[in-house]
C-alpha cells in the first residue's frame, strides 16, 4: 500500500515489491572469510549479533559457504544478543562484539582468525583481545565488514569489506526519480559488490591462542 501511494526506495534493506539498493552481504562475507583462509587460517570464527533485516544472517551464510569452498569443516559462530548490551547505537555493537569475542576465547577452540559481521563488532572484539594481551595480527587475525571511518584508526588498522554507501545513495536517488517519472516500473533489487580493503589486522597464522 505504501509503494502504491508514494515512491519508495529502500537502501541497505530489501523487501518484496519494493525498489531496493543493497550490498552483496553474502558475497562480501565469502570474500572476507576467504581472505583469512587464503592466508592459511583453518580455524576461523564468525562473531555476529542481531540485526534489523537480513544483512548479518546473509554475512554468516557467506562465512559458512567460504569455509565449505576452502574445505574447512569446522564453523565457529559466536552470537551475542542485544538484551545483553547496556549501550546504544555503535557503542552497543562494539560492546556486543567485545562479549562475543570473550565467548570465543573461553571456548578454547584454537581459533586463529575472526570474521566479524560488522566493523563495530570487530572493533569491540579487538578491545577484548587487547585486554587479554592477544596480539593482532600476530596471534589473532580479524576482518570486519562495512568500511566505517573508525576502521582506519584502529590499532592495527582493520582489514574490512568496504560497502559503497555513497554509490548506494546516488543510485537510490536516481531510482526514486525514475520511479516518480514511471510509476508503472516493476520493483527491482540492485546489488552492489563490496570490495576488500587490506590493512594490517590479518596475517598468516603463527600461534594458536
C-alpha atoms as a PDB file:
ATOM      1  CA  UNK A   1       0.000   0.000   0.000  1.00  0.00           C
ATOM      2  CA  UNK A   2       2.825   2.394   0.825  1.00  0.00           C
ATOM      3  CA  UNK A   3       4.512   1.828  -2.524  1.00  0.00           C
ATOM      4  CA  UNK A   4       1.279   2.479  -4.411  1.00  0.00           C
ATOM      5  CA  UNK A   5       0.754   5.890  -2.764  1.00  0.00           C
ATOM      6  CA  UNK A   6       4.353   7.089  -2.567  1.00  0.00           C
ATOM      7  CA  UNK A   7       7.528   6.219  -4.492  1.00  0.00           C
ATOM      8  CA  UNK A   8       9.794   4.348  -2.080  1.00  0.00           C
ATOM      9  CA  UNK A   9      13.367   3.110  -2.448  1.00  0.00           C
ATOM     10  CA  UNK A  10      14.945   1.062   0.331  1.00  0.00           C
ATOM     11  CA  UNK A  11      18.674   1.450   0.992  1.00  0.00           C
ATOM     12  CA  UNK A  12      20.716  -1.373   2.554  1.00  0.00           C
ATOM     13  CA  UNK A  13      17.455  -3.227   3.163  1.00  0.00           C
ATOM     14  CA  UNK A  14      15.281  -5.351   0.929  1.00  0.00           C
ATOM     15  CA  UNK A  15      11.571  -6.159   0.858  1.00  0.00           C
ATOM     16  CA  UNK A  16       9.482  -7.902  -1.771  1.00  0.00           C
ATOM     17  CA  UNK A  17       7.651  -5.479  -4.104  1.00  0.00           C
ATOM     18  CA  UNK A  18       9.927  -2.527  -3.283  1.00  0.00           C
ATOM     19  CA  UNK A  19      12.811  -0.967  -5.124  1.00  0.00           C
ATOM     20  CA  UNK A  20      15.951  -1.540  -3.070  1.00  0.00           C
ATOM     21  CA  UNK A  21      19.678  -0.827  -3.204  1.00  0.00           C
ATOM     22  CA  UNK A  22      21.692  -3.352  -1.218  1.00  0.00           C
ATOM     23  CA  UNK A  23      25.229  -4.587  -0.759  1.00  0.00           C
ATOM     24  CA  UNK A  24      26.154  -8.174  -1.595  1.00  0.00           C
ATOM     25  CA  UNK A  25      26.326  -9.263   2.031  1.00  0.00           C
ATOM     26  CA  UNK A  26      26.767 -12.956   1.363  1.00  0.00           C
ATOM     27  CA  UNK A  27      29.359 -12.465  -1.358  1.00  0.00           C
ATOM     28  CA  UNK A  28      31.287  -9.943   0.720  1.00  0.00           C
ATOM     29  CA  UNK A  29      31.404 -12.260   3.722  1.00  0.00           C
ATOM     30  CA  UNK A  30      32.538 -15.072   1.444  1.00  0.00           C
ATOM     31  CA  UNK A  31      35.437 -12.897   0.232  1.00  0.00           C
ATOM     32  CA  UNK A  32      36.356 -11.727   3.745  1.00  0.00           C
ATOM     33  CA  UNK A  33      36.425 -15.266   5.117  1.00  0.00           C
ATOM     34  CA  UNK A  34      38.204 -16.483   2.011  1.00  0.00           C
ATOM     35  CA  UNK A  35      40.901 -13.873   2.616  1.00  0.00           C
ATOM     36  CA  UNK A  36      41.586 -15.382   6.035  1.00  0.00           C
ATOM     37  CA  UNK A  37      41.559 -18.893   4.599  1.00  0.00           C
ATOM     38  CA  UNK A  38      43.941 -17.891   1.810  1.00  0.00           C
ATOM     39  CA  UNK A  39      46.369 -16.618   4.460  1.00  0.00           C
ATOM     40  CA  UNK A  40      46.430 -20.129   5.901  1.00  0.00           C
ATOM     41  CA  UNK A  41      43.846 -19.923   8.691  1.00  0.00           C
ATOM     42  CA  UNK A  42      41.877 -23.129   9.180  1.00  0.00           C
ATOM     43  CA  UNK A  43      40.076 -22.311  12.429  1.00  0.00           C
ATOM     44  CA  UNK A  44      38.078 -19.202  11.654  1.00  0.00           C
ATOM     45  CA  UNK A  45      35.349 -17.854  13.923  1.00  0.00           C
ATOM     46  CA  UNK A  46      32.391 -15.677  12.962  1.00  0.00           C
ATOM     47  CA  UNK A  47      31.228 -13.077  15.501  1.00  0.00           C
ATOM     48  CA  UNK A  48      27.645 -11.987  14.938  1.00  0.00           C
ATOM     49  CA  UNK A  49      24.862 -10.016  16.601  1.00  0.00           C
ATOM     50  CA  UNK A  50      21.148  -9.455  15.916  1.00  0.00           C
ATOM     51  CA  UNK A  51      20.345  -7.083  13.048  1.00  0.00           C
ATOM     52  CA  UNK A  52      17.402  -5.206  11.592  1.00  0.00           C
ATOM     53  CA  UNK A  53      16.793  -7.079   8.373  1.00  0.00           C
ATOM     54  CA  UNK A  54      18.808  -9.941   6.970  1.00  0.00           C
ATOM     55  CA  UNK A  55      22.239  -8.331   6.445  1.00  0.00           C
ATOM     56  CA  UNK A  56      24.024 -10.183   9.241  1.00  0.00           C
ATOM     57  CA  UNK A  57      22.379 -13.576   8.621  1.00  0.00           C
ATOM     58  CA  UNK A  58      23.474 -13.293   4.980  1.00  0.00           C
ATOM     59  CA  UNK A  59      27.011 -12.489   6.118  1.00  0.00           C
ATOM     60  CA  UNK A  60      27.030 -15.544   8.369  1.00  0.00           C
ATOM     61  CA  UNK A  61      25.852 -17.620   5.408  1.00  0.00           C
ATOM     62  CA  UNK A  62      28.674 -16.214   3.279  1.00  0.00           C
ATOM     63  CA  UNK A  63      31.134 -17.163   6.019  1.00  0.00           C
ATOM     64  CA  UNK A  64      29.816 -20.738   6.050  1.00  0.00           C
ATOM     65  CA  UNK A  65      29.996 -21.042   2.266  1.00  0.00           C
ATOM     66  CA  UNK A  66      33.587 -19.795   2.250  1.00  0.00           C
ATOM     67  CA  UNK A  67      34.582 -22.451   4.784  1.00  0.00           C
ATOM     68  CA  UNK A  68      32.976 -25.072   2.577  1.00  0.00           C
ATOM     69  CA  UNK A  69      34.759 -23.726  -0.508  1.00  0.00           C
ATOM     70  CA  UNK A  70      38.113 -23.998   1.283  1.00  0.00           C
ATOM     71  CA  UNK A  71      37.277 -27.493   2.625  1.00  0.00           C
ATOM     72  CA  UNK A  72      37.255 -26.237   6.217  1.00  0.00           C
ATOM     73  CA  UNK A  73      34.904 -28.481   8.165  1.00  0.00           C
ATOM     74  CA  UNK A  74      34.597 -26.601  11.465  1.00  0.00           C
ATOM     75  CA  UNK A  75      32.402 -23.490  11.686  1.00  0.00           C
ATOM     76  CA  UNK A  76      32.528 -21.478  14.896  1.00  0.00           C
ATOM     77  CA  UNK A  77      29.702 -18.928  15.115  1.00  0.00           C
ATOM     78  CA  UNK A  78      29.504 -16.863  18.294  1.00  0.00           C
ATOM     79  CA  UNK A  79      26.368 -14.742  18.591  1.00  0.00           C
ATOM     80  CA  UNK A  80      25.757 -12.099  21.243  1.00  0.00           C
ATOM     81  CA  UNK A  81      22.177 -10.983  21.884  1.00  0.00           C
ATOM     82  CA  UNK A  82      21.215  -7.316  22.189  1.00  0.00           C
ATOM     83  CA  UNK A  83      19.498  -7.731  25.544  1.00  0.00           C
ATOM     84  CA  UNK A  84      22.951  -8.355  26.986  1.00  0.00           C
ATOM     85  CA  UNK A  85      24.138  -4.863  25.995  1.00  0.00           C
ATOM     86  CA  UNK A  86      23.889  -1.732  28.150  1.00  0.00           C
ATOM     87  CA  UNK A  87      24.866   0.650  25.344  1.00  0.00           C
ATOM     88  CA  UNK A  88      23.040   2.034  22.303  1.00  0.00           C
ATOM     89  CA  UNK A  89      23.953   2.561  18.655  1.00  0.00           C
ATOM     90  CA  UNK A  90      27.531   1.976  17.545  1.00  0.00           C
ATOM     91  CA  UNK A  91      28.732   1.593  21.139  1.00  0.00           C
ATOM     92  CA  UNK A  92      26.216  -1.230  21.552  1.00  0.00           C
ATOM     93  CA  UNK A  93      27.637  -3.053  18.539  1.00  0.00           C
ATOM     94  CA  UNK A  94      31.153  -2.672  19.921  1.00  0.00           C
ATOM     95  CA  UNK A  95      30.039  -3.967  23.322  1.00  0.00           C
ATOM     96  CA  UNK A  96      28.327  -6.952  21.733  1.00  0.00           C
ATOM     97  CA  UNK A  97      31.435  -7.664  19.676  1.00  0.00           C
ATOM     98  CA  UNK A  98      33.516  -7.477  22.845  1.00  0.00           C
ATOM     99  CA  UNK A  99      31.275 -10.010  24.582  1.00  0.00           C
ATOM    100  CA  UNK A 100      31.075 -12.308  21.558  1.00  0.00           C
ATOM    101  CA  UNK A 101      34.867 -12.349  21.380  1.00  0.00           C
ATOM    102  CA  UNK A 102      35.093 -13.240  25.061  1.00  0.00           C
ATOM    103  CA  UNK A 103      32.745 -16.172  24.405  1.00  0.00           C
ATOM    104  CA  UNK A 104      35.040 -17.252  21.609  1.00  0.00           C
ATOM    105  CA  UNK A 105      38.156 -17.039  23.777  1.00  0.00           C
ATOM    106  CA  UNK A 106      36.506 -19.061  26.533  1.00  0.00           C
ATOM    107  CA  UNK A 107      35.658 -21.801  24.028  1.00  0.00           C
ATOM    108  CA  UNK A 108      39.357 -22.702  23.659  1.00  0.00           C
ATOM    109  CA  UNK A 109      38.870 -23.885  20.081  1.00  0.00           C
ATOM    110  CA  UNK A 110      42.342 -22.917  18.860  1.00  0.00           C
ATOM    111  CA  UNK A 111      40.903 -20.193  16.628  1.00  0.00           C
ATOM    112  CA  UNK A 112      43.421 -18.032  14.748  1.00  0.00           C
ATOM    113  CA  UNK A 113      41.134 -15.899  12.569  1.00  0.00           C
ATOM    114  CA  UNK A 114      37.923 -13.920  13.099  1.00  0.00           C
ATOM    115  CA  UNK A 115      35.352 -12.691  10.606  1.00  0.00           C
ATOM    116  CA  UNK A 116      33.143 -10.081  12.288  1.00  0.00           C
ATOM    117  CA  UNK A 117      29.792  -9.249  10.678  1.00  0.00           C
ATOM    118  CA  UNK A 118      30.479  -5.516  11.067  1.00  0.00           C
ATOM    119  CA  UNK A 119      33.395  -3.210  11.724  1.00  0.00           C
ATOM    120  CA  UNK A 120      31.824  -2.132  15.020  1.00  0.00           C
ATOM    121  CA  UNK A 121      31.685  -5.760  16.151  1.00  0.00           C
ATOM    122  CA  UNK A 122      35.304  -6.174  15.034  1.00  0.00           C
ATOM    123  CA  UNK A 123      36.395  -3.083  16.993  1.00  0.00           C
ATOM    124  CA  UNK A 124      34.763  -4.457  20.140  1.00  0.00           C
ATOM    125  CA  UNK A 125      36.457  -7.801  19.552  1.00  0.00           C
ATOM    126  CA  UNK A 126      39.832  -6.104  19.143  1.00  0.00           C
ATOM    127  CA  UNK A 127      39.374  -4.449  22.527  1.00  0.00           C
ATOM    128  CA  UNK A 128      38.654  -7.844  24.121  1.00  0.00           C
ATOM    129  CA  UNK A 129      41.793  -9.262  22.501  1.00  0.00           C
ATOM    130  CA  UNK A 130      43.819  -6.293  23.739  1.00  0.00           C
ATOM    131  CA  UNK A 131      42.567  -6.850  27.294  1.00  0.00           C
ATOM    132  CA  UNK A 132      43.771 -10.454  27.094  1.00  0.00           C
ATOM    133  CA  UNK A 133      47.110  -9.298  25.640  1.00  0.00           C
ATOM    134  CA  UNK A 134      46.459 -11.231  22.442  1.00  0.00           C
ATOM    135  CA  UNK A 135      48.317  -9.527  19.607  1.00  0.00           C
ATOM    136  CA  UNK A 136      46.601  -8.664  16.318  1.00  0.00           C
ATOM    137  CA  UNK A 137      47.546  -9.974  13.783  1.00  0.00           C
ATOM    138  CA  UNK A 138      50.453 -11.975  15.239  1.00  0.00           C
ATOM    139  CA  UNK A 139      48.236 -14.178  17.412  1.00  0.00           C
ATOM    140  CA  UNK A 140      44.763 -13.438  16.034  1.00  0.00           C
ATOM    141  CA  UNK A 141      43.727 -12.094  12.640  1.00  0.00           C
ATOM    142  CA  UNK A 142      40.453 -10.228  12.229  1.00  0.00           C
ATOM    143  CA  UNK A 143      38.451  -8.937   9.266  1.00  0.00           C
ATOM    144  CA  UNK A 144      35.387  -6.693   9.508  1.00  0.00           C
ATOM    145  CA  UNK A 145      32.605  -5.569   7.181  1.00  0.00           C
ATOM    146  CA  UNK A 146      31.214  -2.124   6.237  1.00  0.00           C
ATOM    147  CA  UNK A 147      34.271   0.093   5.830  1.00  0.00           C
ATOM    148  CA  UNK A 148      33.352   2.641   8.511  1.00  0.00           C
ATOM    149  CA  UNK A 149      35.641   5.607   9.206  1.00  0.00           C
ATOM    150  CA  UNK A 150      36.831   4.224  12.547  1.00  0.00           C
ATOM    151  CA  UNK A 151      38.190   1.088  10.872  1.00  0.00           C
ATOM    152  CA  UNK A 152      41.137   3.113   9.552  1.00  0.00           C
ATOM    153  CA  UNK A 153      42.071   4.265  13.056  1.00  0.00           C
ATOM    154  CA  UNK A 154      42.071   1.004  14.990  1.00  0.00           C
ATOM    155  CA  UNK A 155      45.385  -0.398  16.209  1.00  0.00           C
ATOM    156  CA  UNK A 156      46.262  -2.068  13.929  1.00  0.00           C
ATOM    157  CA  UNK A 157      44.095  -0.651  11.106  1.00  0.00           C
ATOM    158  CA  UNK A 158      41.250  -3.047  10.334  1.00  0.00           C
ATOM    159  CA  UNK A 159      41.050  -5.106   7.162  1.00  0.00           C
ATOM    160  CA  UNK A 160      37.434  -4.880   6.034  1.00  0.00           C
ATOM    161  CA  UNK A 161      34.873  -5.272   3.272  1.00  0.00           C
ATOM    162  CA  UNK A 162      34.112  -1.722   2.137  1.00  0.00           C
ATOM    163  CA  UNK A 163      30.429  -1.075   1.387  1.00  0.00           C
ATOM    164  CA  UNK A 164      29.898   1.602  -1.282  1.00  0.00           C
ATOM    165  CA  UNK A 165      27.363   3.658   0.666  1.00  0.00           C
ATOM    166  CA  UNK A 166      27.804   6.854  -1.362  1.00  0.00           C
ATOM    167  CA  UNK A 167      27.125   4.943  -4.566  1.00  0.00           C
ATOM    168  CA  UNK A 168      24.135   3.290  -2.907  1.00  0.00           C
ATOM    169  CA  UNK A 169      22.805   6.739  -2.017  1.00  0.00           C
ATOM    170  CA  UNK A 170      23.267   8.080  -5.543  1.00  0.00           C
ATOM    171  CA  UNK A 171      21.567   5.037  -7.035  1.00  0.00           C
ATOM    172  CA  UNK A 172      18.713   5.364  -4.553  1.00  0.00           C
ATOM    173  CA  UNK A 173      18.070   8.971  -5.627  1.00  0.00           C
ATOM    174  CA  UNK A 174      18.253   8.047  -9.309  1.00  0.00           C
ATOM    175  CA  UNK A 175      15.938   5.069  -8.789  1.00  0.00           C
ATOM    176  CA  UNK A 176      13.495   7.228  -6.840  1.00  0.00           C
ATOM    177  CA  UNK A 177      13.394   9.878  -9.582  1.00  0.00           C
ATOM    178  CA  UNK A 178      12.958   7.198 -12.241  1.00  0.00           C
ATOM    179  CA  UNK A 179      10.112   5.728 -10.195  1.00  0.00           C
ATOM    180  CA  UNK A 180       8.430   9.131  -9.906  1.00  0.00           C
ATOM    181  CA  UNK A 181       8.584   9.509 -13.678  1.00  0.00           C
ATOM    182  CA  UNK A 182       7.425   5.948 -14.322  1.00  0.00           C
ATOM    183  CA  UNK A 183       5.054   4.758 -11.609  1.00  0.00           C
ATOM    184  CA  UNK A 184       4.395   1.523 -13.510  1.00  0.00           C
ATOM    185  CA  UNK A 185       8.001   0.316 -13.334  1.00  0.00           C
ATOM    186  CA  UNK A 186       8.419  -3.118 -11.784  1.00  0.00           C
ATOM    187  CA  UNK A 187      10.273  -3.114  -8.441  1.00  0.00           C
ATOM    188  CA  UNK A 188      13.793  -4.477  -8.558  1.00  0.00           C
ATOM    189  CA  UNK A 189      16.729  -5.054  -6.257  1.00  0.00           C
ATOM    190  CA  UNK A 190      20.072  -3.517  -7.224  1.00  0.00           C
ATOM    191  CA  UNK A 191      23.014  -5.329  -5.622  1.00  0.00           C
ATOM    192  CA  UNK A 192      26.436  -3.681  -5.284  1.00  0.00           C
ATOM    193  CA  UNK A 193      29.559  -5.702  -4.569  1.00  0.00           C
ATOM    194  CA  UNK A 194      31.684  -4.530  -1.627  1.00  0.00           C
ATOM    195  CA  UNK A 195      35.452  -4.671  -2.032  1.00  0.00           C
ATOM    196  CA  UNK A 196      38.165  -5.968   0.243  1.00  0.00           C
ATOM    197  CA  UNK A 197      40.373  -3.302   1.813  1.00  0.00           C
ATOM    198  CA  UNK A 198      43.525  -4.965   3.108  1.00  0.00           C
ATOM    199  CA  UNK A 199      45.112  -3.204   6.059  1.00  0.00           C
ATOM    200  CA  UNK A 200      47.121  -4.646   8.948  1.00  0.00           C
ATOM    201  CA  UNK A 201      44.744  -6.756  11.066  1.00  0.00           C
ATOM    202  CA  UNK A 202      45.114 -10.035   9.172  1.00  0.00           C
ATOM    203  CA  UNK A 203      48.237 -12.103   8.527  1.00  0.00           C
ATOM    204  CA  UNK A 204      49.235 -15.764   8.203  1.00  0.00           C
ATOM    205  CA  UNK A 205      48.734 -17.662  11.484  1.00  0.00           C
ATOM    206  CA  UNK A 206      51.785 -18.026  13.706  1.00  0.00           C
ATOM    207  CA  UNK A 207      50.424 -19.130  17.049  1.00  0.00           C
ATOM    208  CA  UNK A 208      47.273 -20.804  18.372  1.00  0.00           C
ATOM    209  CA  UNK A 209      45.659 -18.883  21.252  1.00  0.00           C
END
